[in-house]
Amino acid sequence: MAAGRAVRAEQVSATRELILTAAERLFAERGVYAVSNRQVGEAAGQGNNTAVGYHFGTKADLVRAIIRKHAARIEEIRARLLAGIGDSTDVRDWVDCLVRPVPEHLAALGSPTWYARFCAQVATDPALHQIMVEESLASPSLRQIVEGVRRCLPELPAEVRAERGEMARHLILHVSAERERALADNSPTPRASWQAAASGLADAVIGMWLAPVTPERQQQIT
């Protein structure tokens, strides 16, 4: 009995992994709502048309499961980078912790990858975007990074800091997605590796954080 249950659990786990991989690829390439559960099931080699719903429930639940599949490894990378900077007062250290985990994770996955393009697709849908926000807020290391940036830039008005934080998120997300798409298409990329791409992203984000606030904007805030 116990052996049978163990085999069944392994089969379920393998099926779920096949579905997650197929869904991530199809959502990345076509868009979340352009892909049906039937198409995901077929791509995952499942003959049962209800397999996706059985294992994951709604499409939103499937999207959340894909995000969580990658989140644990990304969180590990963030935690390692944070441990290396301690109580740094250099904004570059905190931006590195913000920027580098996703490119490092994608590099470790090998090629091709679909996660950056999947995230870009999800980000364009208001309902699914909220799932990304919720999962991000659940990250202790990400909250620590946001606080670290705040401490490094005490003179920056809270409204501007929030605005630039959103800009940084979009930049990291879409630059990663575009590089991932180029690699999948065997097209040239500005940087030779994910590590180099992360360096370029970090430079851009730091420049954005440190950019002066125009007098007009300052007056609007105050």
C-alpha atoms as a PDB file:
ATOM      1  CA  MET A   1       0.000   0.000   0.000  1.00  0.00           C
ATOM      2  CA  ALA A   2       2.704   2.471   1.026  1.00  0.00           C
ATOM      3  CA  ALA A   3       4.746   1.662  -2.082  1.00  0.00           C
ATOM      4  CA  GLY A   4       1.692   2.161  -4.258  1.00  0.00           C
ATOM      5  CA  ARG A   5       0.982   5.546  -2.698  1.00  0.00           C
ATOM      6  CA  ALA A   6       4.607   6.590  -3.227  1.00  0.00           C
ATOM      7  CA  VAL A   7       4.464   5.641  -6.906  1.00  0.00           C
ATOM      8  CA  ARG A   8       1.186   7.511  -7.303  1.00  0.00           C
ATOM      9  CA  ALA A   9       2.646  10.600  -5.630  1.00  0.00           C
ATOM     10  CA  GLU A  10       5.638  10.501  -7.977  1.00  0.00           C
ATOM     11  CA  GLN A  11       3.327  10.221 -10.987  1.00  0.00           C
ATOM     12  CA  VAL A  12       1.250  13.173  -9.811  1.00  0.00           C
ATOM     13  CA  SER A  13       4.384  15.248  -9.209  1.00  0.00           C
ATOM     14  CA  ALA A  14       5.745  14.398 -12.661  1.00  0.00           C
ATOM     15  CA  THR A  15       2.426  15.267 -14.309  1.00  0.00           C
ATOM     16  CA  ARG A  16       2.233  18.586 -12.506  1.00  0.00           C
ATOM     17  CA  GLU A  17       5.776  19.431 -13.597  1.00  0.00           C
ATOM     18  CA  LEU A  18       4.970  18.613 -17.234  1.00  0.00           C
ATOM     19  CA  ILE A  19       1.889  20.834 -17.090  1.00  0.00           C
ATOM     20  CA  LEU A  20       3.782  23.707 -15.459  1.00  0.00           C
ATOM     21  CA  THR A  21       6.541  23.569 -18.073  1.00  0.00           C
ATOM     22  CA  ALA A  22       4.098  23.403 -20.985  1.00  0.00           C
ATOM     23  CA  ALA A  23       1.934  26.211 -19.613  1.00  0.00           C
ATOM     24  CA  GLU A  24       4.916  28.479 -18.967  1.00  0.00           C
ATOM     25  CA  ARG A  25       6.164  28.033 -22.527  1.00  0.00           C
ATOM     26  CA  LEU A  26       2.774  28.517 -24.189  1.00  0.00           C
ATOM     27  CA  PHE A  27       1.829  31.498 -22.018  1.00  0.00           C
ATOM     28  CA  ALA A  28       5.205  33.102 -22.739  1.00  0.00           C
ATOM     29  CA  GLU A  29       4.926  32.640 -26.489  1.00  0.00           C
ATOM     30  CA  ARG A  30       1.209  33.316 -27.057  1.00  0.00           C
ATOM     31  CA  GLY A  31      -0.193  35.108 -24.020  1.00  0.00           C
ATOM     32  CA  VAL A  32      -2.064  33.653 -21.065  1.00  0.00           C
ATOM     33  CA  TYR A  33      -5.623  34.024 -22.352  1.00  0.00           C
ATOM     34  CA  ALA A  34      -4.773  32.960 -25.889  1.00  0.00           C
ATOM     35  CA  VAL A  35      -4.001  29.456 -24.583  1.00  0.00           C
ATOM     36  CA  SER A  36      -6.663  27.007 -23.415  1.00  0.00           C
ATOM     37  CA  ASN A  37      -6.330  24.357 -20.739  1.00  0.00           C
ATOM     38  CA  ARG A  38      -6.825  21.789 -23.494  1.00  0.00           C
ATOM     39  CA  GLN A  39      -3.792  23.154 -25.381  1.00  0.00           C
ATOM     40  CA  VAL A  40      -1.694  23.100 -22.224  1.00  0.00           C
ATOM     41  CA  GLY A  41      -2.739  19.523 -21.528  1.00  0.00           C
ATOM     42  CA  GLU A  42      -1.918  18.409 -25.063  1.00  0.00           C
ATOM     43  CA  ALA A  43       1.489  20.102 -24.936  1.00  0.00           C
ATOM     44  CA  ALA A  44       2.136  18.334 -21.636  1.00  0.00           C
ATOM     45  CA  GLY A  45       1.256  14.976 -23.177  1.00  0.00           C
ATOM     46  CA  GLN A  46      -1.950  14.556 -21.203  1.00  0.00           C
ATOM     47  CA  GLY A  47      -4.773  12.732 -22.957  1.00  0.00           C
ATOM     48  CA  ASN A  48      -7.342  13.855 -20.394  1.00  0.00           C
ATOM     49  CA  ASN A  49      -8.745  17.290 -21.303  1.00  0.00           C
ATOM     50  CA  THR A  50      -9.462  18.050 -17.658  1.00  0.00           C
ATOM     51  CA  ALA A  51      -5.927  17.323 -16.417  1.00  0.00           C
ATOM     52  CA  VAL A  52      -4.921  20.985 -16.030  1.00  0.00           C
ATOM     53  CA  GLY A  53      -8.028  21.905 -14.056  1.00  0.00           C
ATOM     54  CA  TYR A  54      -7.742  18.761 -11.946  1.00  0.00           C
ATOM     55  CA  HIS A  55      -4.163  19.475 -10.908  1.00  0.00           C
ATOM     56  CA  PHE A  56      -4.233  23.277 -10.645  1.00  0.00           C
ATOM     57  CA  GLY A  57      -7.802  24.595 -10.624  1.00  0.00           C
ATOM     58  CA  THR A  58      -8.293  27.935 -12.388  1.00  0.00           C
ATOM     59  CA  LYS A  59      -5.940  29.592 -14.863  1.00  0.00           C
ATOM     60  CA  ALA A  60      -5.042  32.113 -12.153  1.00  0.00           C
ATOM     61  CA  ASP A  61      -4.063  29.211  -9.884  1.00  0.00           C
ATOM     62  CA  LEU A  62      -1.874  27.823 -12.663  1.00  0.00           C
ATOM     63  CA  VAL A  63      -0.186  31.198 -13.142  1.00  0.00           C
ATOM     64  CA  ARG A  64       0.492  31.434  -9.406  1.00  0.00           C
ATOM     65  CA  ALA A  65       1.958  27.914  -9.399  1.00  0.00           C
ATOM     66  CA  ILE A  66       4.372  28.831 -12.216  1.00  0.00           C
ATOM     67  CA  ILE A  67       5.506  31.936 -10.335  1.00  0.00           C
ATOM     68  CA  ARG A  68       6.047  29.945  -7.154  1.00  0.00           C
ATOM     69  CA  LYS A  69       7.988  27.284  -9.048  1.00  0.00           C
ATOM     70  CA  HIS A  70      10.667  29.883  -9.782  1.00  0.00           C
ATOM     71  CA  ALA A  71      10.267  32.073  -6.703  1.00  0.00           C
ATOM     72  CA  ALA A  72      12.030  29.740  -4.276  1.00  0.00           C
ATOM     73  CA  ARG A  73      15.268  29.709  -6.293  1.00  0.00           C
ATOM     74  CA  ILE A  74      15.143  33.462  -6.926  1.00  0.00           C
ATOM     75  CA  GLU A  75      14.618  34.027  -3.216  1.00  0.00           C
ATOM     76  CA  GLU A  76      17.689  31.898  -2.442  1.00  0.00           C
ATOM     77  CA  ILE A  77      19.802  34.033  -4.783  1.00  0.00           C
ATOM     78  CA  ARG A  78      18.517  37.275  -3.239  1.00  0.00           C
ATOM     79  CA  ALA A  79      19.234  35.992   0.260  1.00  0.00           C
ATOM     80  CA  ARG A  80      22.802  35.060  -0.730  1.00  0.00           C
ATOM     81  CA  LEU A  81      23.439  38.461  -2.277  1.00  0.00           C
ATOM     82  CA  LEU A  82      21.979  40.231   0.752  1.00  0.00           C
ATOM     83  CA  ALA A  83      24.199  38.242   3.100  1.00  0.00           C
ATOM     84  CA  GLY A  84      27.194  39.503   1.130  1.00  0.00           C
ATOM     85  CA  ILE A  85      26.442  43.225   1.524  1.00  0.00           C
ATOM     86  CA  GLY A  86      25.506  43.386   5.207  1.00  0.00           C
ATOM     87  CA  ASP A  87      24.453  46.896   6.234  1.00  0.00           C
ATOM     88  CA  SER A  88      25.915  48.596   3.173  1.00  0.00           C
ATOM     89  CA  THR A  89      25.160  52.273   2.610  1.00  0.00           C
ATOM     90  CA  ASP A  90      26.031  52.045  -1.104  1.00  0.00           C
ATOM     91  CA  VAL A  91      22.906  52.084  -3.274  1.00  0.00           C
ATOM     92  CA  ARG A  92      24.746  50.037  -5.917  1.00  0.00           C
ATOM     93  CA  ASP A  93      24.933  47.075  -3.535  1.00  0.00           C
ATOM     94  CA  TRP A  94      21.184  47.143  -2.965  1.00  0.00           C
ATOM     95  CA  VAL A  95      20.417  47.563  -6.666  1.00  0.00           C
ATOM     96  CA  ASP A  96      22.605  44.557  -7.448  1.00  0.00           C
ATOM     97  CA  CYS A  97      20.512  42.533  -5.002  1.00  0.00           C
ATOM     98  CA  LEU A  98      17.389  43.763  -6.772  1.00  0.00           C
ATOM     99  CA  VAL A  99      18.536  43.252 -10.367  1.00  0.00           C
ATOM    100  CA  ARG A 100      20.778  40.187 -10.427  1.00  0.00           C
ATOM    101  CA  PRO A 101      18.628  37.331  -9.030  1.00  0.00           C
ATOM    102  CA  VAL A 102      16.351  36.898 -12.074  1.00  0.00           C
ATOM    103  CA  PRO A 103      19.133  36.985 -14.694  1.00  0.00           C
ATOM    104  CA  GLU A 104      21.219  34.615 -12.577  1.00  0.00           C
ATOM    105  CA  HIS A 105      18.262  32.248 -12.276  1.00  0.00           C
ATOM    106  CA  LEU A 106      17.607  32.356 -16.017  1.00  0.00           C
ATOM    107  CA  ALA A 107      21.277  31.691 -16.751  1.00  0.00           C
ATOM    108  CA  ALA A 108      21.197  28.644 -14.486  1.00  0.00           C
ATOM    109  CA  LEU A 109      18.161  27.232 -16.309  1.00  0.00           C
ATOM    110  CA  GLY A 110      20.051  27.058 -19.588  1.00  0.00           C
ATOM    111  CA  SER A 111      18.551  27.880 -22.980  1.00  0.00           C
ATOM    112  CA  PRO A 112      15.857  28.265 -24.024  1.00  0.00           C
ATOM    113  CA  THR A 113      13.956  29.745 -21.108  1.00  0.00           C
ATOM    114  CA  TRP A 114      10.450  31.186 -21.000  1.00  0.00           C
ATOM    115  CA  TYR A 115      10.039  32.612 -17.516  1.00  0.00           C
ATOM    116  CA  ALA A 116      10.919  36.250 -18.269  1.00  0.00           C
ATOM    117  CA  ARG A 117       8.514  36.334 -21.227  1.00  0.00           C
ATOM    118  CA  PHE A 118       5.861  34.598 -19.136  1.00  0.00           C
ATOM    119  CA  CYS A 119       6.205  37.312 -16.468  1.00  0.00           C
ATOM    120  CA  ALA A 120       5.973  40.029 -19.125  1.00  0.00           C
ATOM    121  CA  GLN A 121       2.739  38.497 -20.417  1.00  0.00           C
ATOM    122  CA  VAL A 122       1.272  38.211 -16.929  1.00  0.00           C
ATOM    123  CA  ALA A 123       2.224  41.803 -16.113  1.00  0.00           C
ATOM    124  CA  THR A 124      -0.006  43.136 -18.897  1.00  0.00           C
ATOM    125  CA  ASP A 125      -3.190  41.684 -17.394  1.00  0.00           C
ATOM    126  CA  PRO A 126      -4.631  43.597 -14.386  1.00  0.00           C
ATOM    127  CA  ALA A 127      -5.986  40.523 -12.592  1.00  0.00           C
ATOM    128  CA  LEU A 128      -2.938  38.357 -13.165  1.00  0.00           C
ATOM    129  CA  HIS A 129      -0.603  41.266 -12.441  1.00  0.00           C
ATOM    130  CA  GLN A 130      -2.060  41.348  -8.943  1.00  0.00           C
ATOM    131  CA  ILE A 131      -0.881  37.772  -8.425  1.00  0.00           C
ATOM    132  CA  MET A 132       2.672  38.882  -9.227  1.00  0.00           C
ATOM    133  CA  VAL A 133       2.359  41.756  -6.765  1.00  0.00           C
ATOM    134  CA  GLU A 134       1.066  39.458  -4.018  1.00  0.00           C
ATOM    135  CA  GLU A 135       3.845  36.941  -4.549  1.00  0.00           C
ATOM    136  CA  SER A 136       6.467  39.706  -4.560  1.00  0.00           C
ATOM    137  CA  LEU A 137       5.146  41.121  -1.287  1.00  0.00           C
ATOM    138  CA  ALA A 138       5.538  37.655   0.228  1.00  0.00           C
ATOM    139  CA  SER A 139       9.310  37.830  -0.349  1.00  0.00           C
ATOM    140  CA  PRO A 140      11.206  38.795   2.854  1.00  0.00           C
ATOM    141  CA  SER A 141      14.385  39.521   0.903  1.00  0.00           C
ATOM    142  CA  LEU A 142      12.621  41.840  -1.543  1.00  0.00           C
ATOM    143  CA  ARG A 143      11.132  43.843   1.320  1.00  0.00           C
ATOM    144  CA  GLN A 144      14.618  44.087   2.823  1.00  0.00           C
ATOM    145  CA  ILE A 145      16.026  45.392  -0.473  1.00  0.00           C
ATOM    146  CA  VAL A 146      13.329  48.050  -0.776  1.00  0.00           C
ATOM    147  CA  GLU A 147      14.118  49.210   2.750  1.00  0.00           C
ATOM    148  CA  GLY A 148      17.851  49.224   1.986  1.00  0.00           C
ATOM    149  CA  VAL A 149      17.332  51.467  -1.036  1.00  0.00           C
ATOM    150  CA  ARG A 150      15.191  53.785   1.078  1.00  0.00           C
ATOM    151  CA  ARG A 151      17.925  54.137   3.679  1.00  0.00           C
ATOM    152  CA  CYS A 152      20.499  54.952   0.988  1.00  0.00           C
ATOM    153  CA  LEU A 153      18.305  57.687  -0.506  1.00  0.00           C
ATOM    154  CA  PRO A 154      16.779  59.489   2.499  1.00  0.00           C
ATOM    155  CA  GLU A 155      16.476  62.774   0.593  1.00  0.00           C
ATOM    156  CA  LEU A 156      14.310  61.249  -2.155  1.00  0.00           C
ATOM    157  CA  PRO A 157      10.605  62.023  -1.622  1.00  0.00           C
ATOM    158  CA  ALA A 158       8.496  58.940  -0.916  1.00  0.00           C
ATOM    159  CA  GLU A 159       6.345  59.536  -3.993  1.00  0.00           C
ATOM    160  CA  VAL A 160       9.379  59.707  -6.266  1.00  0.00           C
ATOM    161  CA  ARG A 161      10.908  56.642  -4.629  1.00  0.00           C
ATOM    162  CA  ALA A 162       7.704  54.667  -5.257  1.00  0.00           C
ATOM    163  CA  GLU A 163       7.540  55.931  -8.837  1.00  0.00           C
ATOM    164  CA  ARG A 164      11.141  54.952  -9.567  1.00  0.00           C
ATOM    165  CA  GLY A 165      10.666  51.611  -7.886  1.00  0.00           C
ATOM    166  CA  GLU A 166       7.871  50.860 -10.341  1.00  0.00           C
ATOM    167  CA  MET A 167      10.058  52.032 -13.223  1.00  0.00           C
ATOM    168  CA  ALA A 168      12.865  49.753 -12.048  1.00  0.00           C
ATOM    169  CA  ARG A 169      10.481  46.796 -11.890  1.00  0.00           C
ATOM    170  CA  HIS A 170       9.324  47.367 -15.468  1.00  0.00           C
ATOM    171  CA  LEU A 171      12.874  47.820 -16.715  1.00  0.00           C
ATOM    172  CA  ILE A 172      14.125  44.611 -15.112  1.00  0.00           C
ATOM    173  CA  LEU A 173      11.092  42.656 -16.296  1.00  0.00           C
ATOM    174  CA  HIS A 174      10.974  43.768 -19.914  1.00  0.00           C
ATOM    175  CA  VAL A 175      14.703  43.950 -20.602  1.00  0.00           C
ATOM    176  CA  SER A 176      15.002  40.371 -19.328  1.00  0.00           C
ATOM    177  CA  ALA A 177      12.056  39.296 -21.489  1.00  0.00           C
ATOM    178  CA  GLU A 178      13.520  40.907 -24.592  1.00  0.00           C
ATOM    179  CA  ARG A 179      16.901  39.271 -24.031  1.00  0.00           C
ATOM    180  CA  GLU A 180      15.211  35.909 -23.463  1.00  0.00           C
ATOM    181  CA  ARG A 181      13.227  36.336 -26.699  1.00  0.00           C
ATOM    182  CA  ALA A 182      16.363  37.236 -28.646  1.00  0.00           C
ATOM    183  CA  LEU A 183      18.196  34.185 -27.325  1.00  0.00           C
ATOM    184  CA  ALA A 184      15.280  31.933 -28.272  1.00  0.00           C
ATOM    185  CA  ASP A 185      15.311  33.401 -31.800  1.00  0.00           C
ATOM    186  CA  ASN A 186      19.116  33.209 -32.083  1.00  0.00           C
ATOM    187  CA  SER A 187      19.175  36.982 -32.565  1.00  0.00           C
ATOM    188  CA  PRO A 188      22.092  39.195 -31.485  1.00  0.00           C
ATOM    189  CA  THR A 189      21.959  40.685 -27.985  1.00  0.00           C
ATOM    190  CA  PRO A 190      23.679  43.805 -26.593  1.00  0.00           C
ATOM    191  CA  ARG A 191      25.451  41.768 -23.914  1.00  0.00           C
ATOM    192  CA  ALA A 192      27.181  38.422 -24.262  1.00  0.00           C
ATOM    193  CA  SER A 193      25.831  36.797 -21.083  1.00  0.00           C
ATOM    194  CA  TRP A 194      23.082  37.106 -18.493  1.00  0.00           C
ATOM    195  CA  GLN A 195      25.709  38.282 -16.004  1.00  0.00           C
ATOM    196  CA  ALA A 196      26.774  41.089 -18.327  1.00  0.00           C
ATOM    197  CA  ALA A 197      23.144  41.935 -19.044  1.00  0.00           C
ATOM    198  CA  ALA A 198      22.535  42.201 -15.290  1.00  0.00           C
ATOM    199  CA  SER A 199      25.453  44.626 -14.999  1.00  0.00           C
ATOM    200  CA  GLY A 200      23.966  46.825 -17.709  1.00  0.00           C
ATOM    201  CA  LEU A 201      20.565  46.702 -16.026  1.00  0.00           C
ATOM    202  CA  ALA A 202      22.066  47.584 -12.648  1.00  0.00           C
ATOM    203  CA  ASP A 203      23.864  50.594 -14.145  1.00  0.00           C
ATOM    204  CA  ALA A 204      20.612  51.827 -15.692  1.00  0.00           C
ATOM    205  CA  VAL A 205      18.585  51.338 -12.510  1.00  0.00           C
ATOM    206  CA  ILE A 206      21.208  53.090 -10.388  1.00  0.00           C
ATOM    207  CA  GLY A 207      21.207  56.026 -12.797  1.00  0.00           C
ATOM    208  CA  MET A 208      17.443  56.205 -12.511  1.00  0.00           C
ATOM    209  CA  TRP A 209      17.451  56.118  -8.711  1.00  0.00           C
ATOM    210  CA  LEU A 210      20.134  58.823  -8.517  1.00  0.00           C
ATOM    211  CA  ALA A 211      18.634  61.119 -11.158  1.00  0.00           C
ATOM    212  CA  PRO A 212      17.779  64.603  -9.829  1.00  0.00           C
ATOM    213  CA  VAL A 213      14.173  65.504  -9.147  1.00  0.00           C
ATOM    214  CA  THR A 214      13.191  68.494 -11.290  1.00  0.00           C
ATOM    215  CA  PRO A 215      12.057  71.622  -9.418  1.00  0.00           C
ATOM    216  CA  GLU A 216       8.619  71.375 -11.026  1.00  0.00           C
ATOM    217  CA  ARG A 217       8.177  67.828  -9.786  1.00  0.00           C
ATOM    218  CA  GLN A 218       9.420  68.768  -6.341  1.00  0.00           C
ATOM    219  CA  GLN A 219       6.849  71.568  -6.167  1.00  0.00           C
ATOM    220  CA  GLN A 220       4.056  69.214  -7.207  1.00  0.00           C
ATOM    221  CA  ILE A 221       4.980  66.833  -4.405  1.00  0.00           C
ATOM    222  CA  THR A 222       5.279  69.498  -1.726  1.00  0.00           C
END
